[in-house]
Amino acid sequence: MIELDRAGRSFKVRGKVVHAVRDLTFTVRPGEFVGYLGPNGAGKSTTIKMLCGILTPTTGTVRVAGLEPSRRRTTLARRIGVVFGQRTTLWWDLPLNDSFELIRHLYKVERSTFRTRLAELTETLDLGSFLRTPVRQLSLGQRMRGDLAAALLHAPDVLVLDEPTIGLDVVSKAGIRDFLLRLNAERGTTVLLTTHDLGDIERLCRRVMLIDHGRLAFDGTLDDLMATAPGQSSLEEVVTRLYTEANESAAQ
């Protein structure tokens, strides 16, 4: 469902070339739920922007759902959903259900199909009590549930999540995690998750990739990741060690 073959993206900053992503190669199969980890500045956001077609790779190839994102961005938009925890895709001054109606028109979802999907999402994400509330008046947890629903109204094959539980309380996090697990298990939606919350990774992901300095530093199961540092007892300790090793390797 997602294929990168030696993909890279570089930028010119003050006359110097900065390599945000280098020789990135990985495949995500249909139905996988994959965690994509890395420290700030590692290349996670650049990768997501290439997957969505916002950025064009300067080297290598990127394909999502069989399409080149930068060349088929409009077509791809109907196959993927994207949620950014730190910014919303909803209309700030409109009630939530009006935002959903606009999204229906943007994605050209038939009204009967839209009603069925919205009813399902309203029930599973518990949206009913604030569908008529302007987005600006929603709590962070309510807004995040609204963003998830908005990303899924057109039934995408791939869901890309960038910090979907950032700033949420324990109850809201648990609700969103449970929803994502059901979505993946029952609908077979392929999910790529970037997060700094390792609780999300432990609860949701069967496979983990770690990127640092634009390069893939690890790709395997959560058990494989823990096995890289036998003396460490927590995922946080293991990931911290891998970040440190990657930094030392990049400095040499």
Protein backbone atom coordinates (compact mmCIF):
# COMPACT_ATOMS: atom_id res chain seq x y z
CA MET A 1 0.00 0.00 0.00
CA ILE A 2 2.98 2.29 0.67
CA GLU A 3 6.29 1.90 -1.20
CA LEU A 4 9.42 4.01 -0.92
CA ASP A 5 12.48 3.08 -2.94
CA ARG A 6 15.62 5.05 -2.03
CA ALA A 7 13.44 8.13 -1.60
CA GLY A 8 15.15 11.35 -0.61
CA ARG A 9 14.24 14.97 -0.14
CA SER A 10 16.69 17.83 0.16
CA PHE A 11 16.28 21.58 0.64
CA LYS A 12 18.52 24.59 0.12
CA VAL A 13 18.91 26.58 3.32
CA ARG A 14 21.07 29.70 3.21
CA GLY A 15 22.97 28.36 0.25
CA LYS A 16 23.57 24.93 1.80
CA VAL A 17 21.88 21.67 0.87
CA VAL A 18 20.07 20.01 3.78
CA HIS A 19 19.07 16.36 3.35
CA ALA A 20 15.83 15.92 5.29
CA VAL A 21 15.36 12.34 4.04
CA ARG A 22 18.04 10.10 2.53
CA ASP A 23 17.77 6.78 0.67
CA LEU A 24 14.58 5.80 2.48
CA THR A 25 13.31 2.37 1.47
CA PHE A 26 10.39 0.54 3.05
CA THR A 27 7.06 -1.10 2.21
CA VAL A 28 3.82 -1.11 4.17
CA ARG A 29 1.44 -3.91 3.24
CA PRO A 30 -2.37 -3.52 3.11
CA GLY A 31 -3.89 -3.76 6.59
CA GLU A 32 -0.68 -3.09 8.54
CA PHE A 33 -0.62 -0.71 11.52
CA VAL A 34 2.89 0.76 11.60
CA GLY A 35 4.48 3.16 14.06
CA TYR A 36 6.92 5.67 12.56
CA LEU A 37 9.22 7.06 15.24
CA GLY A 38 11.99 9.61 15.31
CA PRO A 39 13.23 12.65 17.23
CA ASN A 40 12.27 16.16 16.14
CA GLY A 41 13.94 16.97 12.83
CA ALA A 42 14.49 13.31 11.95
CA GLY A 43 12.50 13.44 8.71
CA LYS A 44 9.06 12.16 9.79
CA SER A 45 7.08 15.18 8.62
CA THR A 46 8.99 15.32 5.34
CA THR A 47 8.15 11.66 4.75
CA ILE A 48 4.44 12.29 5.43
CA LYS A 49 4.42 15.27 3.06
CA MET A 50 5.94 13.11 0.31
CA LEU A 51 3.32 10.41 0.96
CA CYS A 52 0.54 12.99 0.64
CA GLY A 53 1.98 14.62 -2.49
CA ILE A 54 2.72 17.94 -0.78
CA LEU A 55 6.44 17.45 -1.46
CA THR A 56 8.06 15.78 -4.46
CA PRO A 57 11.03 13.50 -3.70
CA THR A 58 14.29 14.82 -5.09
CA THR A 59 15.63 11.26 -5.43
CA GLY A 60 14.06 7.81 -5.61
CA THR A 61 10.37 6.97 -5.85
CA VAL A 62 7.29 7.09 -3.62
CA ARG A 63 4.03 5.25 -4.31
CA VAL A 64 0.86 5.14 -2.22
CA ALA A 65 -2.08 2.93 -3.22
CA GLY A 66 -0.27 2.38 -6.52
CA LEU A 67 -0.05 6.10 -7.29
CA GLU A 68 2.80 8.62 -7.37
CA PRO A 69 1.55 11.16 -4.80
CA SER A 70 3.06 14.31 -6.28
CA ARG A 71 1.73 13.53 -9.77
CA ARG A 72 -1.68 12.11 -8.81
CA ARG A 73 -2.44 14.18 -5.73
CA THR A 74 -6.14 14.74 -6.44
CA THR A 75 -6.77 11.07 -7.24
CA LEU A 76 -4.75 9.97 -4.22
CA ALA A 77 -6.74 12.26 -1.91
CA ARG A 78 -9.71 9.95 -2.40
CA ARG A 79 -7.64 6.95 -1.28
CA ILE A 80 -6.00 8.37 1.84
CA GLY A 81 -7.01 10.17 5.02
CA VAL A 82 -4.65 12.37 7.01
CA VAL A 83 -4.92 13.65 10.58
CA PHE A 84 -2.51 16.20 12.05
CA GLY A 85 -2.79 16.44 15.82
CA GLN A 86 -1.49 20.01 15.93
CA ARG A 87 -3.71 21.44 13.18
CA THR A 88 -7.27 20.80 12.14
CA THR A 89 -8.82 20.20 8.73
CA LEU A 90 -12.22 21.37 10.02
CA TRP A 91 -13.76 24.82 9.48
CA TRP A 92 -13.15 26.75 12.68
CA ASP A 93 -16.36 28.82 12.81
CA LEU A 94 -18.76 26.19 11.46
CA PRO A 95 -20.63 23.55 13.44
CA LEU A 96 -18.97 20.16 13.17
CA ASN A 97 -21.74 18.64 11.05
CA ASP A 98 -21.46 21.53 8.54
CA SER A 99 -17.74 20.79 8.20
CA PHE A 100 -18.63 17.17 7.47
CA GLU A 101 -21.15 18.27 4.83
CA LEU A 102 -18.48 20.37 3.08
CA ILE A 103 -16.11 17.42 3.15
CA ARG A 104 -18.83 15.29 1.55
CA HIS A 105 -18.94 17.72 -1.38
CA LEU A 106 -15.15 17.93 -1.66
CA TYR A 107 -14.80 14.15 -1.89
CA LYS A 108 -18.01 13.73 -3.92
CA VAL A 109 -19.45 11.16 -1.51
CA GLU A 110 -23.04 10.20 -2.35
CA ARG A 111 -25.52 11.50 0.21
CA SER A 112 -26.87 8.07 1.18
CA THR A 113 -23.34 6.69 1.64
CA PHE A 114 -22.35 9.78 3.59
CA ARG A 115 -25.29 9.44 5.96
CA THR A 116 -24.47 5.79 6.65
CA ARG A 117 -20.79 6.48 7.30
CA LEU A 118 -21.48 9.54 9.43
CA ALA A 119 -23.97 7.59 11.54
CA GLU A 120 -21.36 4.85 12.12
CA LEU A 121 -18.63 7.35 12.96
CA THR A 122 -20.94 9.36 15.20
CA GLU A 123 -21.73 6.24 17.20
CA THR A 124 -18.20 4.81 17.43
CA LEU A 125 -16.53 8.18 18.16
CA ASP A 126 -19.38 9.46 20.34
CA LEU A 127 -19.87 12.66 18.34
CA GLY A 128 -23.61 13.07 18.85
CA SER A 129 -23.53 15.59 21.69
CA PHE A 130 -21.43 18.16 19.81
CA LEU A 131 -22.26 17.75 16.11
CA ARG A 132 -23.97 21.17 16.14
CA THR A 133 -21.20 22.89 18.11
CA PRO A 134 -18.82 25.28 16.26
CA VAL A 135 -15.38 23.70 15.96
CA ARG A 136 -13.74 26.60 17.83
CA GLN A 137 -15.82 25.71 20.92
CA LEU A 138 -14.84 22.03 20.98
CA SER A 139 -12.42 20.63 23.52
CA LEU A 140 -9.17 19.21 22.17
CA GLY A 141 -10.44 15.65 22.57
CA GLN A 142 -13.73 16.46 20.79
CA ARG A 143 -11.93 18.26 17.98
CA MET A 144 -9.57 15.31 17.50
CA ARG A 145 -12.50 12.90 17.24
CA GLY A 146 -14.03 15.26 14.69
CA ASP A 147 -10.81 15.31 12.67
CA LEU A 148 -10.68 11.51 12.69
CA ALA A 149 -14.25 11.32 11.43
CA ALA A 150 -13.50 13.91 8.72
CA ALA A 151 -10.51 11.87 7.52
CA LEU A 152 -12.62 8.71 7.27
CA LEU A 153 -15.88 9.95 5.70
CA HIS A 154 -14.67 8.96 2.23
CA ALA A 155 -13.55 5.48 3.44
CA PRO A 156 -9.83 5.79 2.60
CA ASP A 157 -7.60 2.75 2.15
CA VAL A 158 -4.73 4.43 4.00
CA LEU A 159 -4.85 6.57 7.14
CA VAL A 160 -1.81 8.70 8.05
CA LEU A 161 -1.77 9.99 11.62
CA ASP A 162 0.63 12.65 12.86
CA GLU A 163 0.50 12.95 16.67
CA PRO A 164 -3.24 12.12 16.92
CA THR A 165 -3.27 11.98 20.75
CA ILE A 166 -1.07 15.01 21.50
CA GLY A 167 -2.32 16.95 24.50
CA LEU A 168 -5.23 14.60 25.21
CA ASP A 169 -6.22 13.38 28.65
CA VAL A 170 -6.03 9.71 29.58
CA VAL A 171 -9.71 8.99 28.86
CA SER A 172 -9.64 10.70 25.44
CA LYS A 173 -6.44 8.88 24.48
CA ALA A 174 -7.92 5.52 25.43
CA GLY A 175 -11.04 6.20 23.36
CA ILE A 176 -9.10 7.16 20.24
CA ARG A 177 -6.72 4.21 20.60
CA ASP A 178 -9.62 1.76 20.91
CA PHE A 179 -11.30 3.30 17.86
CA LEU A 180 -8.14 3.01 15.75
CA LEU A 181 -7.66 -0.63 16.74
CA ARG A 182 -11.24 -1.44 15.69
CA LEU A 183 -10.85 0.46 12.43
CA ASN A 184 -7.73 -1.50 11.54
CA ALA A 185 -9.11 -4.88 12.63
CA GLU A 186 -12.64 -4.57 11.21
CA ARG A 187 -12.09 -2.46 8.08
CA GLY A 188 -8.52 -3.48 7.25
CA THR A 189 -7.49 0.17 6.94
CA THR A 190 -3.73 0.58 6.56
CA VAL A 191 -2.42 2.97 9.22
CA LEU A 192 0.89 4.83 9.48
CA LEU A 193 1.28 6.54 12.86
CA THR A 194 3.89 9.10 13.86
CA THR A 195 3.97 9.99 17.54
CA HIS A 196 6.20 10.88 20.46
CA ASP A 197 3.77 9.11 22.79
CA LEU A 198 5.24 5.63 23.16
CA GLY A 199 2.03 4.52 24.86
CA ASP A 200 0.37 4.87 21.43
CA ILE A 201 3.04 2.61 19.93
CA GLU A 202 2.74 -0.06 22.64
CA ARG A 203 -1.06 -0.11 22.41
CA LEU A 204 -1.51 0.09 18.65
CA CYS A 205 1.45 -1.01 16.56
CA ARG A 206 2.62 -4.45 15.56
CA ARG A 207 5.52 -3.02 13.57
CA VAL A 208 7.80 -0.07 14.29
CA MET A 209 10.11 1.95 12.06
CA LEU A 210 12.60 4.43 13.47
CA ILE A 211 14.06 7.25 11.39
CA ASP A 212 16.91 9.53 12.41
CA HIS A 213 18.86 12.10 10.38
CA GLY A 214 16.68 11.16 7.41
CA ARG A 215 17.70 7.50 7.39
CA LEU A 216 15.90 4.37 8.50
CA ALA A 217 17.57 3.20 11.72
CA PHE A 218 15.21 0.32 12.59
CA ASP A 219 12.35 -1.63 11.02
CA GLY A 220 10.78 -4.60 12.78
CA THR A 221 8.26 -5.79 15.33
CA LEU A 222 7.88 -4.25 18.75
CA ASP A 223 9.43 -7.39 20.26
CA ASP A 224 12.38 -7.06 17.87
CA LEU A 225 12.81 -3.46 18.97
CA MET A 226 12.87 -4.42 22.65
CA ALA A 227 15.38 -7.18 21.89
CA THR A 228 17.90 -4.65 20.55
CA ALA A 229 18.59 -3.57 24.13
CA PRO A 230 18.24 -6.59 26.45
CA GLY A 231 19.30 -4.62 29.52
CA GLN A 232 16.59 -2.00 29.10
CA SER A 233 13.20 -2.60 30.69
CA SER A 234 10.99 -0.01 28.97
CA LEU A 235 10.26 1.04 25.42
CA GLU A 236 11.28 4.61 26.26
CA GLU A 237 14.74 3.44 27.34
CA VAL A 238 15.18 1.35 24.19
CA VAL A 239 14.10 4.17 21.86
CA THR A 240 16.32 6.67 23.70
CA ARG A 241 19.28 4.34 23.26
CA LEU A 242 18.59 3.94 19.53
CA TYR A 243 18.32 7.73 19.09
CA THR A 244 21.65 8.15 20.89
CA GLU A 245 23.36 5.51 18.75
CA ALA A 246 21.98 7.07 15.56
CA ASN A 247 23.26 10.50 16.61
CA GLU A 248 26.72 9.09 17.37
CA SER A 249 26.81 7.31 14.01
CA ALA A 250 25.77 10.49 12.15
CA ALA A 251 28.46 12.51 13.93
CA GLN A 252 31.28 10.16 12.86
